[in-house]
């Protein structure tokens, strides 16, 4: 659902921030 998508988006932001 929407909550799962938010988690995925948040994880992508974290991954980008680590670069």
PDB file of N, CA and C in Angstrom:
ATOM      1  N   UNK A   1       0.828  -1.213   0.000  1.00  0.00           N
ATOM      2  CA  UNK A   1       0.000   0.000   0.000  1.00  0.00           C
ATOM      3  C   UNK A   1       0.861   1.262   0.000  1.00  0.00           C
ATOM      4  N   UNK A   2       0.240   2.378   0.289  1.00  0.00           N
ATOM      5  CA  UNK A   2       0.955   3.656   0.275  1.00  0.00           C
ATOM      6  C   UNK A   2       2.085   3.668   1.298  1.00  0.00           C
ATOM      7  N   UNK A   3       1.866   3.080   2.466  1.00  0.00           N
ATOM      8  CA  UNK A   3       2.893   3.077   3.509  1.00  0.00           C
ATOM      9  C   UNK A   3       4.156   2.388   3.000  1.00  0.00           C
ATOM     10  N   UNK A   4       3.998   1.293   2.278  1.00  0.00           N
ATOM     11  CA  UNK A   4       5.152   0.567   1.754  1.00  0.00           C
ATOM     12  C   UNK A   4       5.916   1.443   0.767  1.00  0.00           C
ATOM     13  N   UNK A   5       5.185   2.180  -0.072  1.00  0.00           N
ATOM     14  CA  UNK A   5       5.848   3.059  -1.035  1.00  0.00           C
ATOM     15  C   UNK A   5       6.633   4.143  -0.325  1.00  0.00           C
ATOM     16  N   UNK A   6       6.084   4.687   0.744  1.00  0.00           N
ATOM     17  CA  UNK A   6       6.793   5.728   1.494  1.00  0.00           C
ATOM     18  C   UNK A   6       8.096   5.172   2.054  1.00  0.00           C
ATOM     19  N   UNK A   7       8.065   3.941   2.551  1.00  0.00           N
ATOM     20  CA  UNK A   7       9.276   3.318   3.097  1.00  0.00           C
ATOM     21  C   UNK A   7      10.323   3.160   2.008  1.00  0.00           C
ATOM     22  N   UNK A   8       9.898   2.719   0.833  1.00  0.00           N
ATOM     23  CA  UNK A   8      10.831   2.537  -0.285  1.00  0.00           C
ATOM     24  C   UNK A   8      11.449   3.876  -0.673  1.00  0.00           C
ATOM     25  N   UNK A   9      10.624   4.899  -0.777  1.00  0.00           N
ATOM     26  CA  UNK A   9      11.128   6.230  -1.140  1.00  0.00           C
ATOM     27  C   UNK A   9      12.115   6.720  -0.082  1.00  0.00           C
ATOM     28  N   UNK A  10      11.769   6.521   1.188  1.00  0.00           N
ATOM     29  CA  UNK A  10      12.653   6.964   2.266  1.00  0.00           C
ATOM     30  C   UNK A  10      13.995   6.246   2.204  1.00  0.00           C
ATOM     31  N   UNK A  11      13.966   4.953   1.932  1.00  0.00           N
ATOM     32  CA  UNK A  11      15.211   4.190   1.833  1.00  0.00           C
ATOM     33  C   UNK A  11      16.051   4.687   0.667  1.00  0.00           C
ATOM     34  N   UNK A  12      15.397   5.017  -0.449  1.00  0.00           N
ATOM     35  CA  UNK A  12      16.144   5.545  -1.599  1.00  0.00           C
ATOM     36  C   UNK A  12      16.816   6.858  -1.243  1.00  0.00           C
ATOM     37  N   UNK A  13      16.135   7.708  -0.487  1.00  0.00           N
ATOM     38  CA  UNK A  13      16.732   8.983  -0.072  1.00  0.00           C
ATOM     39  C   UNK A  13      17.958   8.719   0.792  1.00  0.00           C
ATOM     40  N   UNK A  14      17.852   7.772   1.714  1.00  0.00           N
ATOM     41  CA  UNK A  14      18.985   7.449   2.585  1.00  0.00           C
ATOM     42  C   UNK A  14      20.168   6.954   1.757  1.00  0.00           C
ATOM     43  N   UNK A  15      19.902   6.096   0.787  1.00  0.00           N
ATOM     44  CA  UNK A  15      20.968   5.564  -0.064  1.00  0.00           C
ATOM     45  C   UNK A  15      21.637   6.703  -0.832  1.00  0.00           C
ATOM     46  N   UNK A  16      20.832   7.612  -1.370  1.00  0.00           N
ATOM     47  CA  UNK A  16      21.409   8.738  -2.109  1.00  0.00           C
ATOM     48  C   UNK A  16      22.218   9.630  -1.182  1.00  0.00           C
ATOM     49  N   UNK A  17      21.762   9.804   0.038  1.00  0.00           N
ATOM     50  CA  UNK A  17      22.456  10.665   0.993  1.00  0.00           C
ATOM     51  C   UNK A  17      23.818  10.084   1.373  1.00  0.00           C
ATOM     52  N   UNK A  18      23.939   8.754   1.328  1.00  0.00           N
ATOM     53  CA  UNK A  18      25.205   8.119   1.713  1.00  0.00           C
ATOM     54  C   UNK A  18      26.275   8.280   0.637  1.00  0.00           C
ATOM     55  N   UNK A  19      25.881   8.584  -0.589  1.00  0.00           N
ATOM     56  CA  UNK A  19      26.855   8.695  -1.682  1.00  0.00           C
ATOM     57  C   UNK A  19      27.752   9.911  -1.483  1.00  0.00           C
TER      58      UNK A  19
END
